[in-house]
Every structure is written in structure tokens, then in C-alpha cells.
Amino acid sequence: GLVEKLDAFPVHDRVVPHLTIKRWFELDEDGLQSVCDALDNIAATRKQSSYRLHGYNHFGDGVIYVDVTPSQETLDTVSAVMEAMRGIDGMTFDEYDEIQGDLHATVAMRALKPFDFQETWDYLQTLPPIDMNLQFDNIAILKKVDGKWVPEKVWELAA
């Protein structure tokens, strides 16, 4: 694979595969409980939906990712999560939180391990194209533990 071929950092050694809806944040216990309450409500009212993973893309030469095309239902759920997060006292936002058009699955990230962008990009172009339909079936809060992001709580969406 990519990790062995190009001595790339195995991204999934640091974080479980996921689509980021809201970037990292720090809240006190009351704030975290507000997040959990909001996600309880979303999980109770939203159903699983679909998205498509296809093709490679990049942010400059620091991040290579797989494009995500969400269904309208997935976009609606993402919007509901972000709207709920905006109502939580103490929640912070930055320019990267405006991701509605930028859902993606990271393949290589210079911040985790330096890599030769052109060599990696050229190698990916030799692989069979990625094109798969997947289910958006849960929402999770990830917590950094010993340098790795792990699920702290997961909300399953109804089928």
C-alpha cells in the first residue's frame, strides 16, 4: 500500500477512518453534556444516508484526500450537527469548520508526517480509481488519547 511504497505515515494509526463534521474543540463538563444532548436529539431524528467516495484531490501540497459527494440527506444531517454545535456555549469555530462543500477522507497529511507530494500524487494516479458508495451511519466524538484520536462516544443513526 501507500504506507509501505512511499514510507508514508499510516494516518489510521493516529485516527480512525472518519469524515470530520466539526473540528476539535475543548469544553467543560457542562459544555460536553450539551454536545451529547444535541447529538442524542440528532440521532433520534435523523436516519442513515449515503455518500460516495471517489477520486483523489488535494489541499495545496500538504494534504491528499479522497473526494466525498454526500447525498442531500447526508448534507442535511451535517447541517443539523453544525447548527446544534453553534448553539452550545463555549464552542469555538474556525475557517475549517465551514466544510459543507469540503467533506473528504484524508490519505496523506504533511502535518502527521512529511511526504513527497509529487511522488505520492503520481503513485496514486497509477492505482485503480476509487469509487464506492458508503453509508453515513453514525456520528462520533473523538478524543485524543496518547497521541491517537479514538471514539469517546458514538451515536448510531437509524437505518
C-alpha atoms as a PDB file:
ATOM      1  CA  GLY A   1       0.000   0.000   0.000  1.00  0.00           C
ATOM      2  CA  LEU A   2       0.802   3.661   0.077  1.00  0.00           C
ATOM      3  CA  VAL A   3       2.399   3.480   3.531  1.00  0.00           C
ATOM      4  CA  GLU A   4       4.934   0.841   2.518  1.00  0.00           C
ATOM      5  CA  LYS A   5       5.537   2.077  -1.035  1.00  0.00           C
ATOM      6  CA  LEU A   6       6.325   5.679  -0.122  1.00  0.00           C
ATOM      7  CA  ASP A   7       7.181   5.391   3.579  1.00  0.00           C
ATOM      8  CA  ALA A   8       4.076   7.436   4.285  1.00  0.00           C
ATOM      9  CA  PHE A   9       2.675   7.827   7.767  1.00  0.00           C
ATOM     10  CA  PRO A  10      -0.214   5.418   8.355  1.00  0.00           C
ATOM     11  CA  VAL A  11      -2.904   8.032   9.049  1.00  0.00           C
ATOM     12  CA  HIS A  12      -5.165   5.417  10.632  1.00  0.00           C
ATOM     13  CA  ASP A  13      -2.551   4.681  13.301  1.00  0.00           C
ATOM     14  CA  ARG A  14      -3.423   8.134  14.673  1.00  0.00           C
ATOM     15  CA  VAL A  15      -7.136   8.412  13.917  1.00  0.00           C
ATOM     16  CA  VAL A  16      -9.961   6.060  12.972  1.00  0.00           C
ATOM     17  CA  PRO A  17     -11.362   6.476   9.432  1.00  0.00           C
ATOM     18  CA  HIS A  18     -13.954   9.257   9.525  1.00  0.00           C
ATOM     19  CA  LEU A  19     -15.438  12.329   7.875  1.00  0.00           C
ATOM     20  CA  THR A  20     -14.903  15.420  10.015  1.00  0.00           C
ATOM     21  CA  ILE A  21     -18.040  17.468  10.618  1.00  0.00           C
ATOM     22  CA  LYS A  22     -16.704  19.717  13.414  1.00  0.00           C
ATOM     23  CA  ARG A  23     -13.001  20.097  14.108  1.00  0.00           C
ATOM     24  CA  TRP A  24     -11.519  19.679  17.553  1.00  0.00           C
ATOM     25  CA  PHE A  25     -12.840  21.634  20.499  1.00  0.00           C
ATOM     26  CA  GLU A  26     -12.418  21.837  24.254  1.00  0.00           C
ATOM     27  CA  LEU A  27     -15.379  22.259  26.592  1.00  0.00           C
ATOM     28  CA  ASP A  28     -16.024  21.861  30.296  1.00  0.00           C
ATOM     29  CA  GLU A  29     -18.272  19.033  31.520  1.00  0.00           C
ATOM     30  CA  ASP A  30     -21.453  21.093  31.101  1.00  0.00           C
ATOM     31  CA  GLY A  31     -20.488  22.024  27.549  1.00  0.00           C
ATOM     32  CA  LEU A  32     -19.670  18.431  26.677  1.00  0.00           C
ATOM     33  CA  GLN A  33     -23.014  17.344  28.130  1.00  0.00           C
ATOM     34  CA  SER A  34     -24.705  19.930  25.881  1.00  0.00           C
ATOM     35  CA  VAL A  35     -22.939  18.396  22.867  1.00  0.00           C
ATOM     36  CA  CYS A  36     -24.074  14.917  23.921  1.00  0.00           C
ATOM     37  CA  ASP A  37     -27.655  16.115  24.427  1.00  0.00           C
ATOM     38  CA  ALA A  38     -27.661  17.741  20.978  1.00  0.00           C
ATOM     39  CA  LEU A  39     -26.293  14.582  19.350  1.00  0.00           C
ATOM     40  CA  ASP A  40     -28.841  12.459  21.253  1.00  0.00           C
ATOM     41  CA  ASN A  41     -31.536  14.571  19.597  1.00  0.00           C
ATOM     42  CA  ILE A  42     -29.966  14.358  16.139  1.00  0.00           C
ATOM     43  CA  ALA A  43     -29.531  10.574  16.393  1.00  0.00           C
ATOM     44  CA  ALA A  44     -33.176  10.255  17.446  1.00  0.00           C
ATOM     45  CA  THR A  45     -34.451  12.280  14.491  1.00  0.00           C
ATOM     46  CA  ARG A  46     -32.048  11.501  11.613  1.00  0.00           C
ATOM     47  CA  LYS A  47     -31.625   8.335   9.566  1.00  0.00           C
ATOM     48  CA  GLN A  48     -28.655   6.788   7.838  1.00  0.00           C
ATOM     49  CA  SER A  49     -27.886   8.278   4.456  1.00  0.00           C
ATOM     50  CA  SER A  50     -25.368   7.747   1.706  1.00  0.00           C
ATOM     51  CA  TYR A  51     -22.235   9.315   0.341  1.00  0.00           C
ATOM     52  CA  ARG A  52     -19.817   8.488  -2.444  1.00  0.00           C
ATOM     53  CA  LEU A  53     -16.030   8.249  -2.110  1.00  0.00           C
ATOM     54  CA  HIS A  54     -14.374   8.877  -5.466  1.00  0.00           C
ATOM     55  CA  GLY A  55     -11.211  10.271  -6.971  1.00  0.00           C
ATOM     56  CA  TYR A  56      -8.196  11.896  -5.357  1.00  0.00           C
ATOM     57  CA  ASN A  57      -7.777  15.579  -4.676  1.00  0.00           C
ATOM     58  CA  HIS A  58      -5.538  17.767  -2.524  1.00  0.00           C
ATOM     59  CA  PHE A  59      -5.315  20.903  -0.425  1.00  0.00           C
ATOM     60  CA  GLY A  60      -2.133  22.514  -1.713  1.00  0.00           C
ATOM     61  CA  ASP A  61       0.762  20.093  -1.343  1.00  0.00           C
ATOM     62  CA  GLY A  62       0.132  19.306   2.330  1.00  0.00           C
ATOM     63  CA  VAL A  63      -2.958  17.087   2.253  1.00  0.00           C
ATOM     64  CA  ILE A  64      -4.087  14.430  -0.232  1.00  0.00           C
ATOM     65  CA  TYR A  65      -7.607  13.119   0.159  1.00  0.00           C
ATOM     66  CA  VAL A  66     -10.437  11.192  -1.463  1.00  0.00           C
ATOM     67  CA  ASP A  67     -13.391  13.314  -2.576  1.00  0.00           C
ATOM     68  CA  VAL A  68     -16.732  12.788  -0.853  1.00  0.00           C
ATOM     69  CA  THR A  69     -20.029  13.505  -2.574  1.00  0.00           C
ATOM     70  CA  PRO A  70     -22.757  13.402   0.074  1.00  0.00           C
ATOM     71  CA  SER A  71     -26.416  12.758  -0.619  1.00  0.00           C
ATOM     72  CA  GLN A  72     -28.827  15.567   0.229  1.00  0.00           C
ATOM     73  CA  GLU A  73     -29.841  13.626   3.351  1.00  0.00           C
ATOM     74  CA  THR A  74     -26.215  13.429   4.478  1.00  0.00           C
ATOM     75  CA  LEU A  75     -25.778  17.164   3.880  1.00  0.00           C
ATOM     76  CA  ASP A  76     -28.932  17.821   5.885  1.00  0.00           C
ATOM     77  CA  THR A  77     -27.583  15.786   8.814  1.00  0.00           C
ATOM     78  CA  VAL A  78     -24.208  17.549   8.657  1.00  0.00           C
ATOM     79  CA  SER A  79     -26.026  20.903   8.637  1.00  0.00           C
ATOM     80  CA  ALA A  80     -28.130  19.854  11.635  1.00  0.00           C
ATOM     81  CA  VAL A  81     -24.995  18.885  13.575  1.00  0.00           C
ATOM     82  CA  MET A  82     -23.285  22.192  12.803  1.00  0.00           C
ATOM     83  CA  GLU A  83     -26.404  24.191  13.675  1.00  0.00           C
ATOM     84  CA  ALA A  84     -26.629  22.360  17.014  1.00  0.00           C
ATOM     85  CA  MET A  85     -22.925  22.965  17.731  1.00  0.00           C
ATOM     86  CA  ARG A  86     -23.349  26.699  17.080  1.00  0.00           C
ATOM     87  CA  GLY A  87     -25.918  26.806  19.883  1.00  0.00           C
ATOM     88  CA  ILE A  88     -23.507  25.447  22.505  1.00  0.00           C
ATOM     89  CA  ASP A  89     -21.925  27.953  24.885  1.00  0.00           C
ATOM     90  CA  GLY A  90     -18.145  27.957  24.638  1.00  0.00           C
ATOM     91  CA  MET A  91     -17.986  26.093  21.314  1.00  0.00           C
ATOM     92  CA  THR A  92     -15.329  27.622  19.077  1.00  0.00           C
ATOM     93  CA  PHE A  93     -15.202  27.673  15.291  1.00  0.00           C
ATOM     94  CA  ASP A  94     -12.555  28.431  12.702  1.00  0.00           C
ATOM     95  CA  GLU A  95     -12.458  28.682   8.912  1.00  0.00           C
ATOM     96  CA  TYR A  96     -12.012  24.913   8.601  1.00  0.00           C
ATOM     97  CA  ASP A  97     -15.379  24.288  10.240  1.00  0.00           C
ATOM     98  CA  GLU A  98     -17.177  25.585   7.146  1.00  0.00           C
ATOM     99  CA  ILE A  99     -16.887  22.224   5.410  1.00  0.00           C
ATOM    100  CA  GLN A 100     -20.258  21.703   3.785  1.00  0.00           C
ATOM    101  CA  GLY A 101     -18.629  21.608   0.361  1.00  0.00           C
ATOM    102  CA  ASP A 102     -15.362  20.067   1.571  1.00  0.00           C
ATOM    103  CA  LEU A 103     -16.189  16.669   3.070  1.00  0.00           C
ATOM    104  CA  HIS A 104     -13.194  14.447   2.371  1.00  0.00           C
ATOM    105  CA  ALA A 105     -11.257  11.392   3.546  1.00  0.00           C
ATOM    106  CA  THR A 106      -7.582  12.156   4.203  1.00  0.00           C
ATOM    107  CA  VAL A 107      -4.994   9.836   2.635  1.00  0.00           C
ATOM    108  CA  ALA A 108      -1.758  11.723   3.419  1.00  0.00           C
ATOM    109  CA  MET A 109      -1.149  14.752   5.621  1.00  0.00           C
ATOM    110  CA  ARG A 110       2.157  16.589   5.918  1.00  0.00           C
ATOM    111  CA  ALA A 111       1.313  17.651   9.494  1.00  0.00           C
ATOM    112  CA  LEU A 112       1.409  13.962  10.522  1.00  0.00           C
ATOM    113  CA  LYS A 113       4.499  13.022   8.524  1.00  0.00           C
ATOM    114  CA  PRO A 114       6.343  14.896   5.788  1.00  0.00           C
ATOM    115  CA  PHE A 115       5.888  13.295   2.385  1.00  0.00           C
ATOM    116  CA  ASP A 116       6.916  13.985  -1.193  1.00  0.00           C
ATOM    117  CA  PHE A 117       3.708  15.380  -2.649  1.00  0.00           C
ATOM    118  CA  GLN A 118       4.535  14.796  -6.321  1.00  0.00           C
ATOM    119  CA  GLU A 119       5.796  11.251  -5.786  1.00  0.00           C
ATOM    120  CA  THR A 120       2.719  10.363  -3.716  1.00  0.00           C
ATOM    121  CA  TRP A 121       0.315  12.046  -6.135  1.00  0.00           C
ATOM    122  CA  ASP A 122       1.917  10.339  -9.144  1.00  0.00           C
ATOM    123  CA  TYR A 123       1.731   6.951  -7.411  1.00  0.00           C
ATOM    124  CA  LEU A 124      -1.956   7.392  -6.584  1.00  0.00           C
ATOM    125  CA  GLN A 125      -2.658   8.128 -10.244  1.00  0.00           C
ATOM    126  CA  THR A 126      -1.366   4.636 -11.128  1.00  0.00           C
ATOM    127  CA  LEU A 127      -3.907   2.909  -8.860  1.00  0.00           C
ATOM    128  CA  PRO A 128      -7.379   1.834  -9.931  1.00  0.00           C
ATOM    129  CA  PRO A 129      -9.765   4.728  -9.345  1.00  0.00           C
ATOM    130  CA  ILE A 130     -11.598   4.780  -6.030  1.00  0.00           C
ATOM    131  CA  ASP A 131     -15.357   4.867  -6.485  1.00  0.00           C
ATOM    132  CA  MET A 132     -17.610   3.455  -3.792  1.00  0.00           C
ATOM    133  CA  ASN A 133     -20.915   4.222  -2.155  1.00  0.00           C
ATOM    134  CA  LEU A 134     -20.982   4.144   1.637  1.00  0.00           C
ATOM    135  CA  GLN A 135     -23.450   4.724   4.449  1.00  0.00           C
ATOM    136  CA  PHE A 136     -23.270   7.693   6.786  1.00  0.00           C
ATOM    137  CA  ASP A 137     -24.467   5.616   9.722  1.00  0.00           C
ATOM    138  CA  ASN A 138     -23.064   7.194  12.873  1.00  0.00           C
ATOM    139  CA  ILE A 139     -21.795  10.355  14.494  1.00  0.00           C
ATOM    140  CA  ALA A 140     -18.943  10.205  16.997  1.00  0.00           C
ATOM    141  CA  ILE A 141     -16.987  12.402  19.340  1.00  0.00           C
ATOM    142  CA  LEU A 142     -13.290  11.586  19.079  1.00  0.00           C
ATOM    143  CA  LYS A 143     -10.910  12.154  21.986  1.00  0.00           C
ATOM    144  CA  LYS A 144      -7.122  12.323  21.768  1.00  0.00           C
ATOM    145  CA  VAL A 145      -5.588   9.613  23.965  1.00  0.00           C
ATOM    146  CA  ASP A 146      -1.814   9.032  23.925  1.00  0.00           C
ATOM    147  CA  GLY A 147      -1.451  10.783  20.565  1.00  0.00           C
ATOM    148  CA  LYS A 148      -4.287   8.904  18.862  1.00  0.00           C
ATOM    149  CA  TRP A 149      -7.857  10.065  18.211  1.00  0.00           C
ATOM    150  CA  VAL A 150     -10.284   7.403  19.439  1.00  0.00           C
ATOM    151  CA  PRO A 151     -14.091   7.374  19.622  1.00  0.00           C
ATOM    152  CA  GLU A 152     -15.273   8.594  23.017  1.00  0.00           C
ATOM    153  CA  LYS A 153     -18.976   8.261  22.247  1.00  0.00           C
ATOM    154  CA  VAL A 154     -20.784   7.061  19.114  1.00  0.00           C
ATOM    155  CA  TRP A 155     -24.379   7.720  18.086  1.00  0.00           C
ATOM    156  CA  GLU A 156     -25.777   5.198  15.605  1.00  0.00           C
ATOM    157  CA  LEU A 157     -28.295   6.570  13.113  1.00  0.00           C
ATOM    158  CA  ALA A 158     -31.456   4.562  12.413  1.00  0.00           C
ATOM    159  CA  ALA A 159     -31.477   2.505   9.217  1.00  0.00           C
END
